[in-house]
């Protein structure tokens, strides 16, 4: 990253030789007027975030809201560029052996915020922590297929694989943030979360849990010195409050501007909109372990009640797009998936067909089918749940919506008997594996609905052991088609990641996957604030 330097010019006077009149002496440097220069760095960025956090310990993280903070505090082995392509971060170089093992050459000279050097031991400790079967964390499944992790020397790490796995850079490389062994191993997860230490561009200055998080510049950051002095993230759940704060200068960025507030934001002369299409998959997750959703006819019926175009137009005011299949929209494009064919296989919106299928399955009449839709607190999840509730009630289902705080909702879906029907939001990443295996394989941890199809499992297992792009693509297409017959999820659609940004904020650029990061210091940007 090249900087425009701060410059100053010194205006030097000179006497006119040969003249008898004495001229004023040249000013000393301290008296010299300064040439005005344009500011190119500095400032404090204040961000409004709608979602509460559960932890800032990367070993236990599970929410995109947490990743945004952790991207500032920690480093991963890989990063993404402006187009969503994987690029090296801590792993300066990577080799894959003929047996499918991975050798990471760790960048030297990287320091943690306490001044200690980051070495292979920290990488090994972090990855081994996620291999521990006693760790009840979402990221543990990423280590599936890893036989062992060892430090070959101070800056070289070898992952010995039980089977070949093409997805290691996209999973282990991108999703796992490296923690300092000398600190993390001596404290509880809660203690580390309260005072996290990493090697990222910003270090913790002050935390008021789920109210205000303050991070100050880490001057010894290895990649490029952050231009910002501080980043402050305020947890503001209400969209109208974030827009009001944006208007008066209380925040510079609203990370998730609600669709119904976009026109109001457009009227603000000093605010611009960023509109990348999210990699989120949004829909509903039935629990296939119990009635009525153990019957595919019921799942098909509920899919007939889901209108993705209506969801985009009503919930998002048109700022989004339907998804067909179970991968994020940018992945469907990058992998050239046959979306039109997926669309034809997906039961279209048709309440009459839904009612007929429920009648066939024995769920029309007395007593009425009763369902609880458990819902995360975000406004768009509430609205989509209310639309589904309305559609269900229209065909005779007694449906209610239960809105929960994030922690309560997570506790329900992590309990196999804790829900019947839930909203589903999944932010996978640049690889289909991060959607299809995670949500379609019987051992996928986010597969909270208990979906299991041995044929799908075989296809997904073969796909992640296949390094040739076209062969992997065909396997994922075949798996998706089988899943569309089984309908383990009801959906889907995605939103444009509408972010409202003050025009004072410079070099703030979003990209595919930017809903997982706060793009303050990235391979393609280094934000600063005017004034």
Protein backbone atom coordinates (compact mmCIF):
# COMPACT_ATOMS: atom_id res chain seq x y z
CA UNK A 1 0.00 0.00 0.00
CA UNK A 2 1.49 3.31 -1.02
CA UNK A 3 0.81 6.41 1.01
CA UNK A 4 0.59 9.99 -0.15
CA UNK A 5 3.11 11.60 2.15
CA UNK A 6 2.57 14.65 4.31
CA UNK A 7 4.69 17.46 2.85
CA UNK A 8 5.53 21.01 3.79
CA UNK A 9 7.24 23.66 1.72
CA UNK A 10 9.64 26.29 3.15
CA UNK A 11 9.41 29.69 1.48
CA UNK A 12 12.93 31.12 1.36
CA UNK A 13 13.57 34.86 0.82
CA UNK A 14 16.69 36.15 -0.92
CA UNK A 15 18.43 39.54 -1.04
CA UNK A 16 18.80 41.24 -4.40
CA UNK A 17 22.55 41.46 -4.96
CA UNK A 18 23.80 44.81 -6.17
CA UNK A 19 20.99 46.82 -4.60
CA UNK A 20 21.84 49.39 -1.97
CA UNK A 21 18.49 49.12 -0.21
CA UNK A 22 18.55 46.58 2.59
CA UNK A 23 15.92 43.91 2.12
CA UNK A 24 14.14 42.00 4.92
CA UNK A 25 16.02 38.96 6.17
CA UNK A 26 14.77 35.53 5.23
CA UNK A 27 12.37 34.11 7.79
CA UNK A 28 13.66 31.40 10.08
CA UNK A 29 12.10 27.93 9.69
CA UNK A 30 9.93 28.49 12.76
CA UNK A 31 8.48 31.60 11.12
CA UNK A 32 8.02 30.01 7.73
CA UNK A 33 4.38 29.82 6.57
CA UNK A 34 3.26 26.23 5.81
CA UNK A 35 1.89 25.20 2.45
CA UNK A 36 -1.56 23.66 3.03
CA UNK A 37 -1.64 19.96 2.22
CA UNK A 38 -4.54 17.56 1.88
CA UNK A 39 -4.98 15.21 4.81
CA UNK A 40 -4.59 11.59 3.80
CA UNK A 41 -4.89 9.71 7.09
CA UNK A 42 -6.13 9.79 10.66
CA UNK A 43 -9.40 10.18 12.44
CA UNK A 44 -11.71 8.01 14.49
CA UNK A 45 -14.25 5.82 12.69
CA UNK A 46 -17.52 5.22 14.54
CA UNK A 47 -19.63 2.30 13.30
CA UNK A 48 -23.21 1.36 14.13
CA UNK A 49 -23.78 -2.41 14.25
CA UNK A 50 -27.24 -3.94 14.76
CA UNK A 51 -26.27 -7.33 16.15
CA UNK A 52 -25.14 -8.26 19.63
CA UNK A 53 -22.09 -10.45 20.17
CA UNK A 54 -21.76 -13.67 22.14
CA UNK A 55 -17.95 -13.93 22.21
CA UNK A 56 -14.74 -12.40 20.90
CA UNK A 57 -12.81 -15.63 21.39
CA UNK A 58 -12.15 -16.87 17.82
CA UNK A 59 -12.18 -20.48 19.00
CA UNK A 60 -15.86 -20.19 19.90
CA UNK A 61 -17.08 -17.63 17.40
CA UNK A 62 -20.12 -18.38 15.25
CA UNK A 63 -21.67 -15.07 14.14
CA UNK A 64 -20.77 -12.72 11.29
CA UNK A 65 -21.17 -9.86 13.77
CA UNK A 66 -18.29 -11.34 15.79
CA UNK A 67 -16.12 -11.84 12.71
CA UNK A 68 -16.34 -8.12 11.99
CA UNK A 69 -14.68 -7.33 15.29
CA UNK A 70 -12.24 -10.23 15.08
CA UNK A 71 -11.05 -9.15 11.61
CA UNK A 72 -9.73 -6.00 13.32
CA UNK A 73 -8.12 -7.80 16.27
CA UNK A 74 -6.69 -10.99 14.75
CA UNK A 75 -5.07 -12.40 11.62
CA UNK A 76 -5.97 -15.53 9.68
CA UNK A 77 -3.76 -17.56 7.35
CA UNK A 78 -5.66 -16.32 4.29
CA UNK A 79 -7.65 -13.22 3.38
CA UNK A 80 -9.86 -12.22 0.45
CA UNK A 81 -9.15 -9.57 -2.14
CA UNK A 82 -11.62 -7.08 -3.57
CA UNK A 83 -13.15 -9.73 -5.84
CA UNK A 84 -13.49 -12.38 -3.13
CA UNK A 85 -10.41 -14.32 -4.26
CA UNK A 86 -8.28 -15.94 -1.55
CA UNK A 87 -4.90 -14.27 -0.97
CA UNK A 88 -2.12 -14.98 1.57
CA UNK A 89 -2.23 -13.32 4.99
CA UNK A 90 -0.22 -15.03 7.74
CA UNK A 91 0.53 -17.94 5.43
CA UNK A 92 3.11 -16.24 3.24
CA UNK A 93 3.40 -19.41 1.15
CA UNK A 94 1.55 -22.75 1.06
CA UNK A 95 2.52 -26.12 -0.38
CA UNK A 96 0.32 -29.19 -0.93
CA UNK A 97 2.17 -32.51 -0.88
CA UNK A 98 1.28 -35.40 -3.23
CA UNK A 99 -0.53 -37.03 -0.27
CA UNK A 100 -2.68 -33.94 0.21
CA UNK A 101 -0.93 -32.59 3.32
CA UNK A 102 -0.61 -28.80 3.66
CA UNK A 103 2.58 -26.98 4.63
CA UNK A 104 2.12 -23.36 5.69
CA UNK A 105 5.13 -21.05 5.75
CA UNK A 106 4.20 -18.47 8.39
CA UNK A 107 5.12 -14.85 7.82
CA UNK A 108 8.02 -13.74 10.04
CA UNK A 109 8.09 -10.48 11.96
CA UNK A 110 4.40 -10.54 12.96
CA UNK A 111 3.80 -9.34 16.50
CA UNK A 112 0.91 -9.77 18.89
CA UNK A 113 -0.44 -6.68 20.61
CA UNK A 114 1.64 -7.45 23.72
CA UNK A 115 4.84 -7.36 21.66
CA UNK A 116 5.44 -11.14 21.50
CA UNK A 117 6.24 -12.66 18.11
CA UNK A 118 3.64 -14.82 16.41
CA UNK A 119 5.16 -18.21 15.54
CA UNK A 120 4.21 -21.66 14.34
CA UNK A 121 3.43 -22.64 17.95
CA UNK A 122 0.54 -20.16 18.03
CA UNK A 123 -0.87 -21.53 14.78
CA UNK A 124 -0.55 -25.12 16.02
CA UNK A 125 -2.17 -24.24 19.36
CA UNK A 126 -5.12 -22.52 17.67
CA UNK A 127 -5.77 -25.34 15.22
CA UNK A 128 -5.30 -28.07 17.82
CA UNK A 129 -7.80 -26.29 20.09
CA UNK A 130 -10.41 -26.76 17.39
CA UNK A 131 -9.52 -30.45 17.09
CA UNK A 132 -10.42 -30.98 20.74
CA UNK A 133 -13.66 -33.06 20.80
CA UNK A 134 -14.62 -31.42 24.10
CA UNK A 135 -14.80 -28.00 22.47
CA UNK A 136 -18.45 -27.28 21.65
CA UNK A 137 -17.85 -24.72 18.93
CA UNK A 138 -19.18 -24.20 15.41
CA UNK A 139 -15.69 -24.09 13.89
CA UNK A 140 -14.63 -27.52 15.12
CA UNK A 141 -16.05 -29.14 11.98
CA UNK A 142 -13.52 -27.19 9.92
CA UNK A 143 -10.83 -29.46 11.31
CA UNK A 144 -12.59 -32.60 10.09
CA UNK A 145 -10.13 -34.66 8.05
CA UNK A 146 -7.07 -33.19 9.76
CA UNK A 147 -5.07 -36.00 11.35
CA UNK A 148 -2.47 -33.85 13.10
CA UNK A 149 -0.95 -30.38 13.28
CA UNK A 150 2.74 -29.93 13.94
CA UNK A 151 5.38 -27.21 13.88
CA UNK A 152 8.25 -28.26 11.59
CA UNK A 153 10.27 -25.28 12.77
CA UNK A 154 9.61 -21.86 14.28
CA UNK A 155 7.73 -20.61 11.21
CA UNK A 156 6.52 -23.73 9.39
CA UNK A 157 3.33 -25.70 10.11
CA UNK A 158 2.28 -29.02 8.62
CA UNK A 159 -1.31 -30.22 8.48
CA UNK A 160 -1.30 -33.98 8.00
CA UNK A 161 -4.60 -34.92 6.40
CA UNK A 162 -6.52 -38.17 6.84
CA UNK A 163 -7.96 -37.60 3.37
CA UNK A 164 -7.24 -35.09 0.63
CA UNK A 165 -9.22 -31.92 1.19
CA UNK A 166 -9.30 -29.11 -1.37
CA UNK A 167 -11.15 -26.71 0.92
CA UNK A 168 -8.44 -26.12 3.55
CA UNK A 169 -7.47 -22.59 2.37
CA UNK A 170 -11.12 -21.45 2.23
CA UNK A 171 -11.96 -23.01 5.61
CA UNK A 172 -9.01 -23.31 7.95
CA UNK A 173 -7.09 -20.59 6.14
CA UNK A 174 -9.79 -17.94 6.01
CA UNK A 175 -12.19 -18.67 8.86
CA UNK A 176 -9.85 -19.36 11.78
CA UNK A 177 -8.15 -16.44 13.50
CA UNK A 178 -4.87 -17.19 15.26
CA UNK A 179 -4.72 -16.58 19.02
CA UNK A 180 -1.59 -16.17 21.20
CA UNK A 181 -0.85 -19.45 22.92
CA UNK A 182 0.95 -17.82 25.84
CA UNK A 183 -2.23 -15.94 26.79
CA UNK A 184 -5.15 -18.07 25.60
CA UNK A 185 -4.00 -21.29 27.29
CA UNK A 186 -3.88 -19.60 30.70
CA UNK A 187 -7.36 -18.03 30.82
CA UNK A 188 -10.96 -19.07 30.34
CA UNK A 189 -12.75 -18.31 27.07
CA UNK A 190 -14.86 -15.67 28.84
CA UNK A 191 -11.75 -13.99 30.23
CA UNK A 192 -10.08 -13.96 26.82
CA UNK A 193 -13.25 -12.61 25.18
CA UNK A 194 -13.31 -9.74 27.69
CA UNK A 195 -9.75 -8.74 26.77
CA UNK A 196 -8.80 -10.33 23.44
CA UNK A 197 -5.22 -10.06 22.21
CA UNK A 198 -4.31 -10.72 18.60
CA UNK A 199 -1.93 -9.61 15.86
CA UNK A 200 -4.45 -7.62 13.82
CA UNK A 201 -4.38 -3.94 12.83
CA UNK A 202 -6.25 -2.78 15.94
CA UNK A 203 -6.01 -3.66 19.62
CA UNK A 204 -8.67 -3.46 22.29
CA UNK A 205 -8.83 -0.17 24.13
CA UNK A 206 -12.15 -0.47 25.98
CA UNK A 207 -15.12 -2.82 25.94
CA UNK A 208 -18.59 -2.16 27.28
CA UNK A 209 -20.17 -5.48 26.39
CA UNK A 210 -22.86 -5.22 23.71
CA UNK A 211 -22.86 -1.45 24.03
CA UNK A 212 -19.56 -0.05 22.83
CA UNK A 213 -16.28 -1.55 21.62
CA UNK A 214 -13.24 0.69 21.20
CA UNK A 215 -10.14 -0.35 19.28
CA UNK A 216 -6.95 1.68 18.86
CA UNK A 217 -4.37 1.50 16.10
CA UNK A 218 -1.64 -1.13 16.45
CA UNK A 219 1.40 0.73 15.17
CA UNK A 220 3.46 -2.45 14.76
CA UNK A 221 0.97 -4.15 12.46
CA UNK A 222 2.90 -6.10 9.86
CA UNK A 223 0.79 -5.52 6.74
CA UNK A 224 0.43 -1.77 6.63
CA UNK A 225 0.03 0.74 9.40
CA UNK A 226 -3.67 1.62 9.82
CA UNK A 227 -4.44 5.22 8.91
CA UNK A 228 -7.23 5.43 11.49
CA UNK A 229 -6.34 6.22 15.07
CA UNK A 230 -9.33 4.36 16.47
CA UNK A 231 -12.38 2.33 15.50
CA UNK A 232 -15.43 2.50 17.75
CA UNK A 233 -18.27 0.03 17.18
CA UNK A 234 -21.58 0.85 18.83
CA UNK A 235 -24.25 -1.84 19.16
CA UNK A 236 -27.46 -0.15 18.00
CA UNK A 237 -30.17 -2.75 17.31
CA UNK A 238 -32.79 -0.33 15.97
CA UNK A 239 -32.31 0.71 12.35
CA UNK A 240 -34.05 4.06 12.83
CA UNK A 241 -31.66 4.89 15.66
CA UNK A 242 -28.65 4.13 13.47
CA UNK A 243 -29.95 6.39 10.71
CA UNK A 244 -30.64 9.17 13.22
CA UNK A 245 -27.09 8.81 14.57
CA UNK A 246 -25.74 8.88 11.01
CA UNK A 247 -27.62 12.12 10.34
CA UNK A 248 -26.18 13.95 13.36
CA UNK A 249 -22.69 12.48 13.06
CA UNK A 250 -22.94 10.06 15.97
CA UNK A 251 -21.74 7.28 13.65
CA UNK A 252 -19.99 7.29 10.28
CA UNK A 253 -21.18 3.88 9.03
CA UNK A 254 -24.44 1.96 9.43
CA UNK A 255 -23.47 -1.64 8.71
CA UNK A 256 -26.98 -2.80 7.90
CA UNK A 257 -29.37 -0.12 6.71
CA UNK A 258 -32.87 -1.53 6.73
CA UNK A 259 -34.69 -1.46 3.41
CA UNK A 260 -37.53 0.72 4.65
CA UNK A 261 -35.01 3.38 5.70
CA UNK A 262 -32.99 3.53 2.49
CA UNK A 263 -34.98 6.37 0.94
CA UNK A 264 -34.48 8.40 4.10
CA UNK A 265 -30.74 7.77 3.93
CA UNK A 266 -30.70 8.81 0.27
CA UNK A 267 -32.03 12.22 1.32
CA UNK A 268 -28.95 12.82 3.48
CA UNK A 269 -26.53 14.89 1.35
CA UNK A 270 -23.39 13.75 3.15
CA UNK A 271 -24.05 9.99 3.03
CA UNK A 272 -23.49 7.43 0.28
CA UNK A 273 -24.67 3.84 -0.09
CA UNK A 274 -22.55 0.72 -0.58
CA UNK A 275 -24.61 -2.08 -2.18
CA UNK A 276 -22.69 -5.34 -2.65
CA UNK A 277 -24.79 -8.50 -2.96
CA UNK A 278 -24.39 -10.49 0.23
CA UNK A 279 -23.09 -14.05 0.32
CA UNK A 280 -25.80 -14.78 2.89
CA UNK A 281 -28.36 -17.53 2.30
CA UNK A 282 -31.66 -16.67 4.02
CA UNK A 283 -34.62 -18.99 4.50
CA UNK A 284 -36.15 -21.31 7.09
CA UNK A 285 -34.86 -24.47 8.74
CA UNK A 286 -37.33 -27.21 9.68
CA UNK A 287 -36.42 -29.84 12.26
CA UNK A 288 -36.56 -33.09 10.29
CA UNK A 289 -36.30 -35.25 13.42
CA UNK A 290 -39.94 -34.77 14.39
CA UNK A 291 -43.43 -34.42 13.01
CA UNK A 292 -44.53 -32.78 10.85
CA UNK A 293 -41.25 -32.06 9.06
CA UNK A 294 -40.03 -35.64 8.98
CA UNK A 295 -42.48 -35.90 6.04
CA UNK A 296 -41.09 -34.46 2.79
CA UNK A 297 -44.66 -33.65 1.68
CA UNK A 298 -44.92 -31.16 4.53
CA UNK A 299 -41.59 -29.61 3.63
CA UNK A 300 -42.69 -29.35 0.03
CA UNK A 301 -45.97 -27.77 1.15
CA UNK A 302 -44.18 -25.11 3.19
CA UNK A 303 -41.84 -24.39 0.26
CA UNK A 304 -45.00 -23.72 -1.78
CA UNK A 305 -45.78 -20.97 0.75
CA UNK A 306 -42.39 -19.30 0.28
CA UNK A 307 -42.32 -16.61 -2.39
CA UNK A 308 -38.70 -15.40 -2.76
CA UNK A 309 -39.67 -12.48 -4.99
CA UNK A 310 -42.21 -11.33 -2.40
CA UNK A 311 -39.61 -11.70 0.35
CA UNK A 312 -37.18 -9.48 -1.58
CA UNK A 313 -39.82 -6.87 -2.46
CA UNK A 314 -41.58 -6.72 0.91
CA UNK A 315 -38.80 -7.49 3.40
CA UNK A 316 -35.98 -5.80 1.50
CA UNK A 317 -37.91 -3.22 -0.57
CA UNK A 318 -36.34 -4.75 -3.67
CA UNK A 319 -32.75 -4.55 -2.44
CA UNK A 320 -31.92 -8.24 -2.86
CA UNK A 321 -32.49 -11.26 -5.07
CA UNK A 322 -33.93 -14.78 -4.90
CA UNK A 323 -31.56 -17.71 -4.43
CA UNK A 324 -32.18 -21.08 -6.06
CA UNK A 325 -30.12 -23.93 -4.71
CA UNK A 326 -28.39 -23.67 -1.36
CA UNK A 327 -25.25 -21.62 -2.07
CA UNK A 328 -24.77 -17.87 -1.81
CA UNK A 329 -25.50 -15.74 -4.87
CA UNK A 330 -21.84 -14.81 -5.61
CA UNK A 331 -20.90 -18.50 -5.39
CA UNK A 332 -23.65 -19.45 -7.86
CA UNK A 333 -22.19 -16.93 -10.30
CA UNK A 334 -18.50 -17.73 -9.72
CA UNK A 335 -19.10 -21.47 -10.06
CA UNK A 336 -21.50 -21.12 -13.00
CA UNK A 337 -24.15 -23.25 -11.31
CA UNK A 338 -27.29 -24.02 -13.38
CA UNK A 339 -29.52 -21.65 -11.42
CA UNK A 340 -32.40 -21.85 -13.92
CA UNK A 341 -32.49 -25.62 -13.50
CA UNK A 342 -32.40 -25.25 -9.71
CA UNK A 343 -35.31 -22.81 -9.99
CA UNK A 344 -37.39 -25.30 -11.98
CA UNK A 345 -36.78 -27.95 -9.33
CA UNK A 346 -37.86 -25.66 -6.48
CA UNK A 347 -41.61 -25.80 -5.66
CA UNK A 348 -43.03 -22.46 -6.79
CA UNK A 349 -45.25 -20.28 -4.64
CA UNK A 350 -48.69 -21.93 -4.73
CA UNK A 351 -50.84 -22.01 -1.55
CA UNK A 352 -53.39 -24.37 -3.13
CA UNK A 353 -50.70 -26.98 -3.84
CA UNK A 354 -49.42 -26.48 -0.29
CA UNK A 355 -52.86 -27.14 1.16
CA UNK A 356 -53.33 -30.25 -1.01
CA UNK A 357 -49.98 -31.68 0.11
CA UNK A 358 -50.80 -31.05 3.78
CA UNK A 359 -54.16 -32.73 3.29
CA UNK A 360 -52.43 -35.71 1.69
CA UNK A 361 -50.07 -35.91 4.65
CA UNK A 362 -53.00 -35.80 7.08
CA UNK A 363 -52.47 -32.32 8.48
CA UNK A 364 -55.64 -30.55 7.31
CA UNK A 365 -58.69 -30.63 9.56
CA UNK A 366 -59.00 -31.10 13.32
CA UNK A 367 -56.91 -30.64 15.25
CA UNK A 368 -55.20 -27.90 13.28
CA UNK A 369 -51.48 -28.18 12.69
CA UNK A 370 -49.73 -25.90 15.18
CA UNK A 371 -46.22 -24.50 14.56
CA UNK A 372 -43.89 -22.11 16.36
CA UNK A 373 -41.46 -20.11 14.20
CA UNK A 374 -38.47 -19.16 16.34
CA UNK A 375 -36.81 -16.01 15.13
CA UNK A 376 -33.59 -14.05 15.55
CA UNK A 377 -34.02 -10.41 16.65
CA UNK A 378 -33.07 -8.66 13.38
CA UNK A 379 -35.92 -6.75 11.72
CA UNK A 380 -35.73 -8.58 8.38
CA UNK A 381 -35.91 -11.98 10.11
CA UNK A 382 -38.96 -10.82 12.05
CA UNK A 383 -40.67 -9.57 8.92
CA UNK A 384 -40.00 -12.73 6.89
CA UNK A 385 -41.29 -14.81 9.80
CA UNK A 386 -44.46 -12.74 9.95
CA UNK A 387 -44.99 -13.24 6.21
CA UNK A 388 -44.60 -17.01 6.62
CA UNK A 389 -46.94 -16.93 9.62
CA UNK A 390 -49.56 -15.17 7.48
CA UNK A 391 -49.17 -17.70 4.63
CA UNK A 392 -49.47 -20.62 7.06
CA UNK A 393 -52.55 -19.21 8.74
CA UNK A 394 -54.19 -18.68 5.35
CA UNK A 395 -54.19 -22.44 4.70
CA UNK A 396 -55.26 -23.44 8.20
CA UNK A 397 -52.00 -23.79 10.12
CA UNK A 398 -51.98 -22.32 13.62
CA UNK A 399 -48.62 -20.51 13.43
CA UNK A 400 -46.99 -18.11 15.85
CA UNK A 401 -43.69 -16.21 15.79
CA UNK A 402 -41.38 -16.17 18.83
CA UNK A 403 -38.70 -13.47 18.57
CA UNK A 404 -35.66 -14.18 20.75
CA UNK A 405 -32.39 -12.46 21.55
CA UNK A 406 -29.40 -13.96 19.77
CA UNK A 407 -28.13 -16.01 22.72
CA UNK A 408 -31.54 -17.56 23.40
CA UNK A 409 -32.10 -18.33 19.73
CA UNK A 410 -28.70 -20.03 19.48
CA UNK A 411 -29.43 -22.16 22.55
CA UNK A 412 -32.69 -23.33 20.96
CA UNK A 413 -31.26 -24.36 17.59
CA UNK A 414 -28.26 -26.05 19.19
CA UNK A 415 -30.66 -28.31 21.08
CA UNK A 416 -31.92 -31.11 18.78
CA UNK A 417 -35.27 -30.90 20.54
CA UNK A 418 -35.23 -27.14 21.00
CA UNK A 419 -37.22 -26.08 17.92
CA UNK A 420 -39.57 -27.23 15.18
CA UNK A 421 -39.18 -24.43 12.64
CA UNK A 422 -36.63 -21.60 12.65
CA UNK A 423 -35.33 -18.78 10.52
CA UNK A 424 -32.06 -19.64 8.79
CA UNK A 425 -29.28 -17.25 7.89
CA UNK A 426 -25.96 -18.65 6.73
CA UNK A 427 -22.90 -16.70 5.61
CA UNK A 428 -20.72 -19.31 3.95
CA UNK A 429 -17.90 -17.78 1.94
CA UNK A 430 -16.27 -18.16 -1.47
CA UNK A 431 -16.57 -21.95 -1.76
CA UNK A 432 -19.73 -24.10 -2.20
CA UNK A 433 -18.40 -26.49 0.43
CA UNK A 434 -18.99 -23.80 3.05
CA UNK A 435 -22.71 -23.92 2.23
CA UNK A 436 -23.46 -27.42 0.99
CA UNK A 437 -21.32 -29.53 3.32
CA UNK A 438 -22.07 -27.38 6.34
CA UNK A 439 -25.84 -27.43 5.83
CA UNK A 440 -26.33 -30.57 3.76
CA UNK A 441 -23.98 -33.18 5.21
CA UNK A 442 -25.32 -35.23 8.11
CA UNK A 443 -22.29 -34.17 10.18
CA UNK A 444 -22.40 -30.50 9.21
CA UNK A 445 -22.58 -28.54 12.47
CA UNK A 446 -24.89 -25.79 11.11
CA UNK A 447 -27.18 -28.60 9.91
CA UNK A 448 -29.27 -28.14 13.05
CA UNK A 449 -32.36 -29.54 11.36
CA UNK A 450 -30.97 -33.08 11.34
CA UNK A 451 -30.99 -33.59 7.57
CA UNK A 452 -29.34 -36.84 6.47
CA UNK A 453 -29.05 -38.34 3.00
CA UNK A 454 -26.21 -40.90 2.51
CA UNK A 455 -25.97 -40.10 -1.20
CA UNK A 456 -25.58 -36.40 -0.51
CA UNK A 457 -22.96 -37.20 2.14
CA UNK A 458 -20.94 -39.27 -0.36
CA UNK A 459 -21.05 -36.56 -3.03
CA UNK A 460 -20.00 -33.82 -0.62
CA UNK A 461 -17.21 -35.93 0.83
CA UNK A 462 -15.91 -36.68 -2.65
CA UNK A 463 -16.16 -33.00 -3.62
CA UNK A 464 -13.96 -31.76 -0.83
CA UNK A 465 -11.32 -34.35 -1.75
CA UNK A 466 -11.32 -33.26 -5.39
CA UNK A 467 -8.87 -30.53 -6.43
CA UNK A 468 -9.99 -30.18 -10.08
CA UNK A 469 -12.46 -27.30 -10.33
CA UNK A 470 -14.77 -28.76 -12.99
CA UNK A 471 -15.06 -32.13 -11.27
CA UNK A 472 -15.86 -30.45 -7.96
CA UNK A 473 -18.44 -28.28 -9.69
CA UNK A 474 -20.29 -31.28 -11.11
CA UNK A 475 -20.33 -33.01 -7.72
CA UNK A 476 -21.81 -29.93 -6.06
CA UNK A 477 -24.46 -29.62 -8.76
CA UNK A 478 -25.49 -33.26 -8.27
CA UNK A 479 -25.62 -32.83 -4.48
CA UNK A 480 -27.70 -29.67 -4.81
CA UNK A 481 -30.23 -31.44 -7.02
CA UNK A 482 -30.66 -34.22 -4.46
CA UNK A 483 -31.09 -31.65 -1.70
CA UNK A 484 -33.74 -29.85 -3.75
CA UNK A 485 -35.70 -33.11 -3.83
CA UNK A 486 -35.40 -33.47 -0.04
CA UNK A 487 -35.81 -29.76 0.86
CA UNK A 488 -33.83 -29.68 4.13
CA UNK A 489 -34.18 -25.89 4.03
CA UNK A 490 -37.08 -23.69 2.95
CA UNK A 491 -36.03 -20.67 0.92
CA UNK A 492 -34.20 -18.74 -0.16
CA UNK A 493 -33.15 -15.23 -0.93
CA UNK A 494 -30.38 -12.80 -0.12
CA UNK A 495 -30.01 -9.10 0.41
CA UNK A 496 -27.82 -6.40 -0.93
CA UNK A 497 -25.54 -5.54 1.97
CA UNK A 498 -26.74 -1.96 2.22
CA UNK A 499 -24.24 0.06 4.20
CA UNK A 500 -24.70 3.79 4.69
CA UNK A 501 -21.35 5.56 4.78
CA UNK A 502 -20.57 9.19 5.62
CA UNK A 503 -18.75 11.00 2.84
CA UNK A 504 -16.14 11.91 5.44
CA UNK A 505 -15.02 8.27 5.33
CA UNK A 506 -12.31 7.72 2.73
CA UNK A 507 -11.19 4.48 1.03
CA UNK A 508 -14.06 2.44 2.49
CA UNK A 509 -14.78 -0.30 -0.05
CA UNK A 510 -16.98 -3.36 0.24
CA UNK A 511 -16.55 -6.66 -1.58
CA UNK A 512 -18.11 -10.15 -1.77
CA UNK A 513 -17.95 -11.43 1.80
CA UNK A 514 -17.66 -7.98 3.32
CA UNK A 515 -20.60 -8.78 5.57
CA UNK A 516 -18.08 -10.92 7.48
CA UNK A 517 -15.52 -8.18 7.94
CA UNK A 518 -15.23 -4.49 8.70
CA UNK A 519 -13.18 -3.37 5.66
CA UNK A 520 -10.97 -0.87 7.47
CA UNK A 521 -7.51 -2.30 6.75
CA UNK A 522 -7.67 -4.90 3.98
CA UNK A 523 -5.53 -5.99 1.01
CA UNK A 524 -7.34 -3.31 -1.02
CA UNK A 525 -8.18 -0.45 1.38
CA UNK A 526 -6.94 1.59 4.34
CA UNK A 527 -9.71 3.78 5.70
CA UNK A 528 -9.35 7.27 7.16
CA UNK A 529 -11.82 9.97 8.17
CA UNK A 530 -11.83 13.59 7.06
CA UNK A 531 -12.08 16.36 9.63
